Amino acid sequence: MNNFKKLEEEELRGSPLPPRVARDVNQNLGVLRFISNIIELYMPKVAELFVSLSGGNMNSEGTPPNLDADENGYIVKKHPEPPLD
């Protein structure tokens, strides 16, 4: 039997990871989850900050005030309402 067949059989038997490797992988995944949660939490606020620093403003949905979403969710320009006489 060649070496690749032996390697395949060992992989199929599922040799467990050493405890230290498993712990290190779990710690690294925990750090990555934490960083991604921080980015997900604060990225919209950073975008709003840059828009406001550049002189613009955004509504609560995160789109500029002259834009709106249609029934399909696409961003479209709002039509100004005609003045009331």
N, C-alpha and C. Protein backbone atom coordinates (compact mmCIF):
# COMPACT_ATOMS: atom_id res chain seq x y z
N MET A 1 0.85 -1.17 0.00
CA MET A 1 0.00 0.00 0.00
C MET A 1 0.90 1.24 0.00
N ASN A 2 0.55 2.23 -0.84
CA ASN A 2 1.41 3.40 -0.92
C ASN A 2 1.11 4.38 0.23
N ASN A 3 1.96 5.37 0.35
CA ASN A 3 1.86 6.31 1.46
C ASN A 3 0.58 7.15 1.42
N PHE A 4 0.11 7.47 0.21
CA PHE A 4 -1.10 8.28 0.12
C PHE A 4 -2.32 7.51 0.61
N LYS A 5 -2.37 6.22 0.33
CA LYS A 5 -3.47 5.39 0.83
C LYS A 5 -3.43 5.31 2.36
N LYS A 6 -2.25 5.18 2.92
CA LYS A 6 -2.11 5.15 4.38
C LYS A 6 -2.56 6.47 4.98
N LEU A 7 -2.15 7.58 4.34
CA LEU A 7 -2.54 8.90 4.83
C LEU A 7 -4.06 9.06 4.77
N GLU A 8 -4.66 8.60 3.67
CA GLU A 8 -6.11 8.70 3.53
C GLU A 8 -6.82 7.90 4.62
N GLU A 9 -6.33 6.69 4.91
CA GLU A 9 -6.95 5.88 5.95
C GLU A 9 -6.82 6.53 7.32
N GLU A 10 -5.68 7.14 7.59
CA GLU A 10 -5.50 7.84 8.87
C GLU A 10 -6.46 9.02 8.99
N GLU A 11 -6.63 9.76 7.91
CA GLU A 11 -7.55 10.90 7.93
C GLU A 11 -8.99 10.43 8.13
N LEU A 12 -9.35 9.33 7.48
CA LEU A 12 -10.70 8.81 7.61
C LEU A 12 -10.98 8.28 9.01
N ARG A 13 -9.96 7.77 9.67
CA ARG A 13 -10.12 7.31 11.06
C ARG A 13 -10.35 8.49 11.99
N GLY A 14 -9.97 9.66 11.56
CA GLY A 14 -10.24 10.86 12.36
C GLY A 14 -9.36 11.01 13.56
N SER A 15 -8.08 11.08 13.34
CA SER A 15 -7.17 11.29 14.46
C SER A 15 -7.48 12.65 15.09
N PRO A 16 -7.75 12.66 16.40
CA PRO A 16 -8.14 13.91 17.06
C PRO A 16 -6.97 14.89 17.13
N LEU A 17 -7.34 16.15 17.18
CA LEU A 17 -6.32 17.20 17.33
C LEU A 17 -5.76 17.17 18.74
N PRO A 18 -4.50 17.49 18.88
CA PRO A 18 -3.95 17.62 20.24
C PRO A 18 -4.71 18.74 20.98
N PRO A 19 -4.90 18.60 22.28
CA PRO A 19 -5.67 19.59 23.05
C PRO A 19 -5.14 21.02 22.91
N ARG A 20 -3.84 21.17 22.84
CA ARG A 20 -3.26 22.52 22.74
C ARG A 20 -3.64 23.16 21.41
N VAL A 21 -3.61 22.39 20.32
CA VAL A 21 -3.97 22.92 19.01
C VAL A 21 -5.44 23.31 18.98
N ALA A 22 -6.30 22.46 19.51
CA ALA A 22 -7.73 22.75 19.55
C ALA A 22 -8.00 24.01 20.37
N ARG A 23 -7.32 24.16 21.50
CA ARG A 23 -7.51 25.34 22.35
C ARG A 23 -7.06 26.60 21.61
N ASP A 24 -5.89 26.53 20.95
CA ASP A 24 -5.38 27.70 20.23
C ASP A 24 -6.31 28.11 19.09
N VAL A 25 -6.83 27.12 18.37
CA VAL A 25 -7.76 27.43 17.28
C VAL A 25 -9.02 28.09 17.82
N ASN A 26 -9.56 27.56 18.92
CA ASN A 26 -10.76 28.15 19.51
C ASN A 26 -10.50 29.56 20.01
N GLN A 27 -9.33 29.81 20.57
CA GLN A 27 -9.00 31.17 21.02
C GLN A 27 -8.91 32.13 19.85
N ASN A 28 -8.27 31.68 18.76
CA ASN A 28 -8.16 32.54 17.58
C ASN A 28 -9.53 32.84 16.99
N LEU A 29 -10.39 31.84 16.94
CA LEU A 29 -11.74 32.07 16.43
C LEU A 29 -12.51 33.02 17.32
N GLY A 30 -12.32 32.93 18.62
CA GLY A 30 -12.97 33.85 19.55
C GLY A 30 -12.53 35.28 19.32
N VAL A 31 -11.24 35.48 19.09
CA VAL A 31 -10.73 36.82 18.83
C VAL A 31 -11.31 37.36 17.52
N LEU A 32 -11.36 36.52 16.49
CA LEU A 32 -11.92 36.96 15.22
C LEU A 32 -13.41 37.28 15.33
N ARG A 33 -14.16 36.49 16.12
CA ARG A 33 -15.58 36.79 16.35
C ARG A 33 -15.73 38.14 17.05
N PHE A 34 -14.90 38.39 18.04
CA PHE A 34 -14.96 39.65 18.78
C PHE A 34 -14.69 40.83 17.85
N ILE A 35 -13.65 40.72 17.04
CA ILE A 35 -13.30 41.81 16.12
C ILE A 35 -14.42 42.03 15.10
N SER A 36 -14.99 40.95 14.57
CA SER A 36 -16.07 41.11 13.60
C SER A 36 -17.31 41.72 14.24
N ASN A 37 -17.59 41.39 15.49
CA ASN A 37 -18.73 42.02 16.19
C ASN A 37 -18.50 43.51 16.38
N ILE A 38 -17.28 43.90 16.72
CA ILE A 38 -16.97 45.32 16.89
C ILE A 38 -17.13 46.06 15.57
N ILE A 39 -16.62 45.46 14.49
CA ILE A 39 -16.75 46.09 13.17
C ILE A 39 -18.21 46.21 12.78
N GLU A 40 -18.99 45.16 13.00
CA GLU A 40 -20.40 45.19 12.65
C GLU A 40 -21.16 46.23 13.46
N LEU A 41 -20.76 46.43 14.69
CA LEU A 41 -21.45 47.38 15.56
C LEU A 41 -21.12 48.82 15.21
N TYR A 42 -19.85 49.11 14.92
CA TYR A 42 -19.43 50.50 14.78
C TYR A 42 -19.26 50.99 13.35
N MET A 43 -19.22 50.10 12.34
CA MET A 43 -19.02 50.55 10.97
C MET A 43 -20.11 51.51 10.49
N PRO A 44 -21.39 51.26 10.73
CA PRO A 44 -22.40 52.22 10.29
C PRO A 44 -22.21 53.60 10.93
N LYS A 45 -21.81 53.63 12.17
CA LYS A 45 -21.59 54.92 12.84
C LYS A 45 -20.40 55.66 12.24
N VAL A 46 -19.36 54.92 11.85
CA VAL A 46 -18.20 55.55 11.23
C VAL A 46 -18.60 56.14 9.89
N ALA A 47 -19.44 55.43 9.12
CA ALA A 47 -19.91 55.96 7.84
C ALA A 47 -20.72 57.23 8.06
N GLU A 48 -21.60 57.23 9.05
CA GLU A 48 -22.38 58.43 9.35
C GLU A 48 -21.47 59.58 9.77
N LEU A 49 -20.41 59.28 10.53
CA LEU A 49 -19.47 60.31 10.96
C LEU A 49 -18.80 60.96 9.75
N PHE A 50 -18.34 60.15 8.80
CA PHE A 50 -17.68 60.71 7.62
C PHE A 50 -18.65 61.53 6.77
N VAL A 51 -19.90 61.08 6.67
CA VAL A 51 -20.89 61.84 5.91
C VAL A 51 -21.15 63.17 6.59
N SER A 52 -21.31 63.16 7.91
CA SER A 52 -21.58 64.41 8.61
C SER A 52 -20.37 65.34 8.60
N LEU A 53 -19.16 64.78 8.66
CA LEU A 53 -17.96 65.62 8.59
C LEU A 53 -17.80 66.26 7.22
N SER A 54 -18.31 65.58 6.18
CA SER A 54 -18.20 66.14 4.84
C SER A 54 -19.33 67.11 4.53
N GLY A 55 -20.21 67.35 5.48
CA GLY A 55 -21.26 68.35 5.31
C GLY A 55 -22.60 67.77 4.93
N GLY A 56 -22.74 66.46 4.84
CA GLY A 56 -24.02 65.84 4.48
C GLY A 56 -24.78 65.43 5.72
N ASN A 57 -25.93 64.85 5.48
CA ASN A 57 -26.70 64.27 6.59
C ASN A 57 -27.41 63.04 6.08
N MET A 58 -27.78 62.14 6.99
CA MET A 58 -28.44 60.89 6.63
C MET A 58 -29.67 60.73 7.50
N ASN A 59 -30.70 60.05 6.95
CA ASN A 59 -31.88 59.78 7.76
C ASN A 59 -31.66 58.51 8.58
N SER A 60 -32.67 58.09 9.31
CA SER A 60 -32.49 56.96 10.23
C SER A 60 -32.26 55.63 9.50
N GLU A 61 -32.68 55.52 8.24
CA GLU A 61 -32.45 54.29 7.49
C GLU A 61 -31.07 54.24 6.88
N GLY A 62 -30.31 55.31 6.95
CA GLY A 62 -28.96 55.31 6.42
C GLY A 62 -28.86 55.77 4.98
N THR A 63 -29.95 56.30 4.42
CA THR A 63 -29.88 56.84 3.07
C THR A 63 -29.96 58.35 3.13
N PRO A 64 -29.37 59.05 2.19
CA PRO A 64 -29.48 60.51 2.18
C PRO A 64 -30.94 60.93 2.10
N PRO A 65 -31.27 62.11 2.62
CA PRO A 65 -32.67 62.52 2.72
C PRO A 65 -33.38 62.69 1.38
N ASN A 66 -32.66 62.89 0.27
CA ASN A 66 -33.34 63.05 -1.01
C ASN A 66 -33.54 61.72 -1.74
N LEU A 67 -33.20 60.59 -1.08
CA LEU A 67 -33.37 59.28 -1.67
C LEU A 67 -34.32 58.45 -0.83
N ASP A 68 -34.94 57.47 -1.47
CA ASP A 68 -35.85 56.58 -0.76
C ASP A 68 -35.76 55.20 -1.41
N ALA A 69 -36.35 54.20 -0.79
CA ALA A 69 -36.36 52.85 -1.34
C ALA A 69 -37.72 52.57 -1.94
N ASP A 70 -37.73 51.96 -3.14
CA ASP A 70 -39.01 51.61 -3.75
C ASP A 70 -39.50 50.27 -3.19
N GLU A 71 -40.60 49.73 -3.77
CA GLU A 71 -41.20 48.51 -3.24
C GLU A 71 -40.29 47.29 -3.40
N ASN A 72 -39.29 47.36 -4.30
CA ASN A 72 -38.35 46.26 -4.47
C ASN A 72 -37.10 46.43 -3.64
N GLY A 73 -36.98 47.53 -2.92
CA GLY A 73 -35.81 47.77 -2.09
C GLY A 73 -34.70 48.52 -2.79
N TYR A 74 -34.93 48.95 -4.03
CA TYR A 74 -33.92 49.71 -4.75
C TYR A 74 -33.96 51.18 -4.32
N ILE A 75 -32.79 51.80 -4.27
CA ILE A 75 -32.71 53.21 -3.89
C ILE A 75 -33.11 54.06 -5.09
N VAL A 76 -34.07 54.95 -4.87
CA VAL A 76 -34.54 55.84 -5.93
C VAL A 76 -34.59 57.26 -5.40
N LYS A 77 -34.53 58.23 -6.31
CA LYS A 77 -34.60 59.63 -5.92
C LYS A 77 -36.05 60.00 -5.60
N LYS A 78 -36.25 60.72 -4.50
CA LYS A 78 -37.58 61.16 -4.13
C LYS A 78 -38.03 62.27 -5.07
N HIS A 79 -39.28 62.24 -5.41
CA HIS A 79 -39.84 63.32 -6.21
C HIS A 79 -40.34 64.39 -5.26
N PRO A 80 -39.92 65.62 -5.48
CA PRO A 80 -40.42 66.68 -4.59
C PRO A 80 -41.93 66.84 -4.77
N GLU A 81 -42.60 67.04 -3.66
CA GLU A 81 -44.05 67.24 -3.73
C GLU A 81 -44.32 68.65 -4.24
N PRO A 82 -45.36 68.77 -5.05
CA PRO A 82 -45.66 70.11 -5.56
C PRO A 82 -46.13 71.01 -4.43
N PRO A 83 -45.81 72.29 -4.51
CA PRO A 83 -46.24 73.21 -3.44
C PRO A 83 -47.76 73.31 -3.37
N LEU A 84 -48.24 73.43 -2.15
CA LEU A 84 -49.69 73.59 -1.95
C LEU A 84 -50.06 75.06 -2.11
N ASP A 85 -51.09 75.29 -2.90
CA ASP A 85 -51.54 76.69 -3.11
C ASP A 85 -52.67 77.05 -2.20
